[in-house]
Amino acid sequence: MQSKTGGCPDDGQPPIYFFLNVSKMKRVIDHYRIVVNMRVAEGYMETGIFFIGNDKDAALKIFYELEGNREVSSSSILRLDLIEQTEGVDTIWDSLECSIGEMADNIRTITKETFRLLNLD
């Protein structure tokens, strides 16, 4: 049976309420990642994701070492996005348009620098 007010089943039990003290929450950076996007008929499709870690400076350093055009247009065939995820919300920090050759070099750079960052630093 459905409740008239909440849409929950009426099992005869009182509802359970959860409260969150928002004033004590801290801004938490979950992580940074670089996303590979490919232009398709419907727009863009994510075709790869590189986890970069939670260090903003390291993520920016890696991203700014990459080759391509920083002036991305809506017709770019291949695009890289630097994304910060904070509290489950994605924010695009920067984007880069790439040719297929630049993308190959960039994937090599991302893999090498991410390995170094996660294993050697």
N, C-alpha and C. Protein backbone atom coordinates (compact mmCIF):
# COMPACT_ATOMS: atom_id res chain seq x y z
N MET A 1 0.85 -1.16 0.00
CA MET A 1 0.00 0.00 0.00
C MET A 1 0.91 1.24 0.00
N GLN A 2 0.58 2.24 -0.78
CA GLN A 2 1.35 3.48 -0.87
C GLN A 2 0.83 4.53 0.11
N SER A 3 1.74 5.24 0.71
CA SER A 3 1.38 6.34 1.60
C SER A 3 0.90 7.51 0.74
N LYS A 4 -0.07 8.26 1.24
CA LYS A 4 -0.59 9.40 0.48
C LYS A 4 0.39 10.57 0.45
N THR A 5 1.29 10.64 1.42
CA THR A 5 2.16 11.80 1.49
C THR A 5 3.56 11.55 0.96
N GLY A 6 4.13 10.40 1.17
CA GLY A 6 5.53 10.23 0.81
C GLY A 6 5.81 9.29 -0.32
N GLY A 7 4.85 8.51 -0.75
CA GLY A 7 5.10 7.56 -1.80
C GLY A 7 5.82 6.32 -1.30
N CYS A 8 6.02 6.16 0.01
CA CYS A 8 6.69 5.00 0.57
C CYS A 8 5.64 3.99 1.02
N PRO A 9 6.00 2.73 1.07
CA PRO A 9 5.04 1.74 1.54
C PRO A 9 4.65 2.03 2.98
N ASP A 10 3.40 1.83 3.29
CA ASP A 10 2.91 2.03 4.66
C ASP A 10 3.03 0.71 5.40
N ASP A 11 4.17 0.56 6.11
CA ASP A 11 4.40 -0.67 6.84
C ASP A 11 4.08 -0.52 8.32
N GLY A 12 3.48 0.60 8.69
CA GLY A 12 3.13 0.82 10.08
C GLY A 12 4.27 1.34 10.93
N GLN A 13 5.47 1.46 10.36
CA GLN A 13 6.64 1.95 11.10
C GLN A 13 6.77 3.46 10.90
N PRO A 14 7.26 4.17 11.92
CA PRO A 14 7.48 5.61 11.73
C PRO A 14 8.62 5.83 10.75
N PRO A 15 8.59 6.96 10.02
CA PRO A 15 9.67 7.24 9.07
C PRO A 15 10.98 7.50 9.81
N ILE A 16 12.08 7.22 9.10
CA ILE A 16 13.41 7.48 9.65
C ILE A 16 13.94 8.73 8.97
N TYR A 17 14.46 9.67 9.74
CA TYR A 17 15.00 10.91 9.21
C TYR A 17 16.50 10.96 9.47
N PHE A 18 17.26 11.45 8.50
CA PHE A 18 18.69 11.63 8.64
C PHE A 18 18.99 13.12 8.53
N PHE A 19 19.84 13.61 9.40
CA PHE A 19 20.21 15.02 9.38
C PHE A 19 21.71 15.13 9.17
N LEU A 20 22.12 16.10 8.40
CA LEU A 20 23.51 16.32 8.10
C LEU A 20 23.90 17.71 8.56
N ASN A 21 24.95 17.80 9.35
CA ASN A 21 25.42 19.08 9.82
C ASN A 21 26.35 19.67 8.76
N VAL A 22 25.78 20.45 7.85
CA VAL A 22 26.53 20.99 6.72
C VAL A 22 27.61 21.96 7.16
N SER A 23 27.44 22.65 8.26
CA SER A 23 28.42 23.64 8.70
C SER A 23 29.74 23.00 9.09
N LYS A 24 29.76 21.70 9.39
CA LYS A 24 31.01 21.03 9.79
C LYS A 24 31.67 20.29 8.64
N MET A 25 31.07 20.33 7.44
CA MET A 25 31.64 19.64 6.29
C MET A 25 32.83 20.43 5.74
N LYS A 26 33.87 19.71 5.33
CA LYS A 26 35.02 20.32 4.71
C LYS A 26 34.98 20.03 3.22
N ARG A 27 35.59 20.92 2.44
CA ARG A 27 35.71 20.67 1.01
C ARG A 27 36.73 19.56 0.81
N VAL A 28 36.32 18.50 0.19
CA VAL A 28 37.18 17.35 -0.01
C VAL A 28 37.40 17.17 -1.51
N ILE A 29 38.65 17.13 -1.91
CA ILE A 29 38.98 16.84 -3.30
C ILE A 29 39.08 15.33 -3.43
N ASP A 30 38.20 14.75 -4.18
CA ASP A 30 38.26 13.31 -4.38
C ASP A 30 39.43 12.94 -5.27
N HIS A 31 39.53 13.56 -6.44
CA HIS A 31 40.64 13.26 -7.34
C HIS A 31 40.60 14.12 -8.60
N TYR A 32 41.70 14.02 -9.33
CA TYR A 32 41.81 14.64 -10.66
C TYR A 32 41.96 13.52 -11.67
N ARG A 33 41.43 13.76 -12.88
CA ARG A 33 41.59 12.79 -13.95
C ARG A 33 41.63 13.52 -15.28
N ILE A 34 42.22 12.86 -16.25
CA ILE A 34 42.22 13.36 -17.63
C ILE A 34 41.34 12.42 -18.43
N VAL A 35 40.36 13.00 -19.11
CA VAL A 35 39.39 12.22 -19.87
C VAL A 35 39.64 12.42 -21.37
N VAL A 36 39.70 11.31 -22.10
CA VAL A 36 39.84 11.32 -23.55
C VAL A 36 38.44 11.31 -24.15
N ASN A 37 38.13 12.30 -24.98
CA ASN A 37 36.82 12.40 -25.63
C ASN A 37 37.00 12.33 -27.14
N MET A 38 36.09 11.61 -27.79
CA MET A 38 36.09 11.50 -29.25
C MET A 38 34.77 12.03 -29.79
N ARG A 39 34.85 12.83 -30.84
CA ARG A 39 33.65 13.39 -31.47
C ARG A 39 32.92 12.27 -32.21
N VAL A 40 31.62 12.15 -31.93
CA VAL A 40 30.74 11.22 -32.62
C VAL A 40 29.53 12.02 -33.11
N ALA A 41 28.64 11.38 -33.84
CA ALA A 41 27.49 12.09 -34.42
C ALA A 41 26.65 12.81 -33.37
N GLU A 42 26.51 12.22 -32.19
CA GLU A 42 25.66 12.78 -31.14
C GLU A 42 26.37 13.81 -30.25
N GLY A 43 27.64 14.04 -30.46
CA GLY A 43 28.42 14.95 -29.60
C GLY A 43 29.76 14.32 -29.28
N TYR A 44 30.08 14.22 -27.99
CA TYR A 44 31.35 13.61 -27.57
C TYR A 44 31.09 12.35 -26.77
N MET A 45 32.00 11.39 -26.91
CA MET A 45 31.94 10.15 -26.15
C MET A 45 33.27 9.98 -25.41
N GLU A 46 33.19 9.69 -24.11
CA GLU A 46 34.40 9.39 -23.34
C GLU A 46 34.94 8.05 -23.81
N THR A 47 36.21 8.05 -24.23
CA THR A 47 36.82 6.80 -24.69
C THR A 47 37.97 6.35 -23.81
N GLY A 48 38.35 7.16 -22.85
CA GLY A 48 39.41 6.78 -21.93
C GLY A 48 39.47 7.74 -20.75
N ILE A 49 39.90 7.20 -19.61
CA ILE A 49 40.03 8.02 -18.40
C ILE A 49 41.35 7.66 -17.72
N PHE A 50 42.13 8.67 -17.39
CA PHE A 50 43.38 8.49 -16.65
C PHE A 50 43.23 9.10 -15.27
N PHE A 51 43.37 8.29 -14.23
CA PHE A 51 43.36 8.78 -12.85
C PHE A 51 44.71 9.44 -12.59
N ILE A 52 44.69 10.69 -12.12
CA ILE A 52 45.93 11.44 -11.90
C ILE A 52 46.28 11.55 -10.42
N GLY A 53 45.33 11.39 -9.54
CA GLY A 53 45.58 11.49 -8.11
C GLY A 53 44.84 12.68 -7.53
N ASN A 54 45.22 13.07 -6.31
CA ASN A 54 44.50 14.17 -5.65
C ASN A 54 45.36 15.42 -5.46
N ASP A 55 46.50 15.49 -6.10
CA ASP A 55 47.39 16.65 -6.01
C ASP A 55 47.13 17.58 -7.19
N LYS A 56 46.54 18.74 -6.91
CA LYS A 56 46.17 19.70 -7.96
C LYS A 56 47.39 20.16 -8.75
N ASP A 57 48.48 20.51 -8.06
CA ASP A 57 49.67 21.00 -8.75
C ASP A 57 50.25 19.95 -9.69
N ALA A 58 50.29 18.70 -9.24
CA ALA A 58 50.81 17.61 -10.08
C ALA A 58 49.91 17.39 -11.29
N ALA A 59 48.59 17.45 -11.08
CA ALA A 59 47.64 17.26 -12.19
C ALA A 59 47.80 18.37 -13.22
N LEU A 60 47.91 19.61 -12.76
CA LEU A 60 48.09 20.73 -13.68
C LEU A 60 49.42 20.62 -14.42
N LYS A 61 50.47 20.23 -13.73
CA LYS A 61 51.80 20.09 -14.35
C LYS A 61 51.74 19.07 -15.48
N ILE A 62 51.12 17.92 -15.21
CA ILE A 62 51.00 16.89 -16.25
C ILE A 62 50.18 17.42 -17.42
N PHE A 63 49.05 18.04 -17.14
CA PHE A 63 48.17 18.50 -18.22
C PHE A 63 48.85 19.56 -19.09
N TYR A 64 49.60 20.45 -18.49
CA TYR A 64 50.23 21.53 -19.26
C TYR A 64 51.47 21.08 -20.01
N GLU A 65 51.92 19.84 -19.79
CA GLU A 65 53.00 19.26 -20.58
C GLU A 65 52.48 18.67 -21.89
N LEU A 66 51.17 18.53 -22.01
CA LEU A 66 50.59 17.86 -23.18
C LEU A 66 50.56 18.75 -24.40
N GLU A 67 50.60 18.10 -25.57
CA GLU A 67 50.62 18.80 -26.86
C GLU A 67 49.21 18.95 -27.41
N GLY A 68 48.98 20.03 -28.14
CA GLY A 68 47.69 20.25 -28.79
C GLY A 68 47.31 21.71 -28.76
N ASN A 69 46.10 21.98 -29.18
CA ASN A 69 45.58 23.33 -29.27
C ASN A 69 44.71 23.62 -28.05
N ARG A 70 45.05 24.67 -27.31
CA ARG A 70 44.28 25.04 -26.11
C ARG A 70 42.96 25.73 -26.46
N GLU A 71 42.80 26.14 -27.70
CA GLU A 71 41.56 26.77 -28.14
C GLU A 71 40.68 25.70 -28.76
N VAL A 72 39.90 25.04 -27.93
CA VAL A 72 39.07 23.91 -28.35
C VAL A 72 37.78 24.43 -28.96
N SER A 73 37.40 23.85 -30.11
CA SER A 73 36.13 24.22 -30.75
C SER A 73 35.15 23.06 -30.62
N SER A 74 33.91 23.32 -30.92
CA SER A 74 32.88 22.28 -30.83
C SER A 74 33.04 21.22 -31.91
N SER A 75 33.90 21.48 -32.89
CA SER A 75 34.12 20.50 -33.97
C SER A 75 35.40 19.70 -33.78
N SER A 76 36.08 19.86 -32.64
CA SER A 76 37.32 19.11 -32.38
C SER A 76 37.03 17.61 -32.43
N ILE A 77 37.88 16.86 -33.12
CA ILE A 77 37.69 15.42 -33.25
C ILE A 77 38.13 14.70 -31.98
N LEU A 78 39.30 15.05 -31.46
CA LEU A 78 39.82 14.44 -30.23
C LEU A 78 40.08 15.54 -29.21
N ARG A 79 39.65 15.30 -27.99
CA ARG A 79 39.77 16.32 -26.95
C ARG A 79 40.16 15.65 -25.63
N LEU A 80 41.02 16.32 -24.88
CA LEU A 80 41.37 15.90 -23.52
C LEU A 80 40.80 16.93 -22.56
N ASP A 81 40.18 16.46 -21.48
CA ASP A 81 39.67 17.34 -20.43
C ASP A 81 40.35 17.01 -19.11
N LEU A 82 40.81 18.03 -18.41
CA LEU A 82 41.32 17.87 -17.04
C LEU A 82 40.14 18.12 -16.12
N ILE A 83 39.78 17.12 -15.33
CA ILE A 83 38.57 17.19 -14.51
C ILE A 83 38.94 16.99 -13.04
N GLU A 84 38.37 17.86 -12.21
CA GLU A 84 38.47 17.71 -10.76
C GLU A 84 37.12 17.19 -10.27
N GLN A 85 37.16 16.15 -9.45
CA GLN A 85 35.92 15.68 -8.83
C GLN A 85 35.98 16.01 -7.35
N THR A 86 35.04 16.84 -6.90
CA THR A 86 34.94 17.27 -5.51
C THR A 86 33.55 16.92 -5.01
N GLU A 87 33.51 16.13 -3.95
CA GLU A 87 32.23 15.74 -3.35
C GLU A 87 31.26 15.20 -4.41
N GLY A 88 31.79 14.44 -5.36
CA GLY A 88 30.97 13.81 -6.38
C GLY A 88 30.59 14.70 -7.55
N VAL A 89 31.05 15.95 -7.57
CA VAL A 89 30.72 16.89 -8.64
C VAL A 89 31.95 17.11 -9.52
N ASP A 90 31.79 16.92 -10.83
CA ASP A 90 32.89 17.11 -11.78
C ASP A 90 32.97 18.56 -12.23
N THR A 91 34.21 19.08 -12.26
CA THR A 91 34.47 20.41 -12.80
C THR A 91 35.58 20.30 -13.82
N ILE A 92 35.33 20.77 -15.05
CA ILE A 92 36.37 20.76 -16.08
C ILE A 92 37.27 21.96 -15.85
N TRP A 93 38.56 21.70 -15.60
CA TRP A 93 39.53 22.77 -15.37
C TRP A 93 40.08 23.30 -16.68
N ASP A 94 40.31 22.41 -17.63
CA ASP A 94 40.89 22.85 -18.90
C ASP A 94 40.64 21.77 -19.94
N SER A 95 40.73 22.16 -21.21
CA SER A 95 40.55 21.22 -22.32
C SER A 95 41.64 21.46 -23.35
N LEU A 96 41.88 20.42 -24.15
CA LEU A 96 42.94 20.46 -25.14
C LEU A 96 42.49 19.68 -26.37
N GLU A 97 42.56 20.31 -27.55
CA GLU A 97 42.23 19.66 -28.81
C GLU A 97 43.49 19.00 -29.36
N CYS A 98 43.40 17.75 -29.83
CA CYS A 98 44.58 17.02 -30.29
C CYS A 98 44.36 16.38 -31.65
N SER A 99 45.45 16.28 -32.40
CA SER A 99 45.45 15.43 -33.60
C SER A 99 45.71 14.00 -33.11
N ILE A 100 45.59 13.03 -34.01
CA ILE A 100 45.82 11.64 -33.61
C ILE A 100 47.28 11.43 -33.17
N GLY A 101 48.21 12.09 -33.84
CA GLY A 101 49.62 11.98 -33.46
C GLY A 101 49.89 12.61 -32.10
N GLU A 102 49.31 13.79 -31.86
CA GLU A 102 49.45 14.44 -30.56
C GLU A 102 48.81 13.61 -29.45
N MET A 103 47.67 12.99 -29.76
CA MET A 103 47.00 12.15 -28.76
C MET A 103 47.90 10.98 -28.37
N ALA A 104 48.55 10.36 -29.35
CA ALA A 104 49.45 9.24 -29.06
C ALA A 104 50.59 9.70 -28.15
N ASP A 105 51.18 10.85 -28.46
CA ASP A 105 52.25 11.39 -27.61
C ASP A 105 51.72 11.74 -26.22
N ASN A 106 50.53 12.31 -26.16
CA ASN A 106 49.95 12.70 -24.88
C ASN A 106 49.64 11.50 -24.00
N ILE A 107 49.14 10.43 -24.58
CA ILE A 107 48.85 9.23 -23.80
C ILE A 107 50.15 8.65 -23.24
N ARG A 108 51.20 8.69 -24.02
CA ARG A 108 52.51 8.25 -23.54
C ARG A 108 52.97 9.12 -22.36
N THR A 109 52.82 10.43 -22.50
CA THR A 109 53.22 11.36 -21.43
C THR A 109 52.38 11.16 -20.18
N ILE A 110 51.07 11.04 -20.33
CA ILE A 110 50.18 10.85 -19.18
C ILE A 110 50.54 9.56 -18.44
N THR A 111 50.75 8.48 -19.20
CA THR A 111 51.07 7.19 -18.59
C THR A 111 52.39 7.25 -17.84
N LYS A 112 53.41 7.83 -18.47
CA LYS A 112 54.73 7.94 -17.85
C LYS A 112 54.68 8.81 -16.59
N GLU A 113 54.06 9.97 -16.67
CA GLU A 113 54.03 10.90 -15.54
C GLU A 113 53.14 10.40 -14.40
N THR A 114 52.03 9.74 -14.75
CA THR A 114 51.17 9.19 -13.71
C THR A 114 51.87 8.04 -12.99
N PHE A 115 52.59 7.20 -13.73
CA PHE A 115 53.35 6.12 -13.10
C PHE A 115 54.37 6.70 -12.14
N ARG A 116 55.09 7.72 -12.60
CA ARG A 116 56.10 8.35 -11.75
C ARG A 116 55.45 8.96 -10.50
N LEU A 117 54.36 9.65 -10.69
CA LEU A 117 53.66 10.31 -9.58
C LEU A 117 53.15 9.31 -8.55
N LEU A 118 52.55 8.24 -9.00
CA LEU A 118 51.93 7.27 -8.09
C LEU A 118 52.92 6.26 -7.49
N ASN A 119 54.07 6.07 -8.14
CA ASN A 119 55.00 5.04 -7.68
C ASN A 119 56.35 5.54 -7.19
N LEU A 120 56.80 6.67 -7.71
CA LEU A 120 58.16 7.10 -7.42
C LEU A 120 58.26 8.33 -6.55
N ASP A 121 57.23 9.12 -6.46
CA ASP A 121 57.29 10.34 -5.63
C ASP A 121 56.88 10.06 -4.21
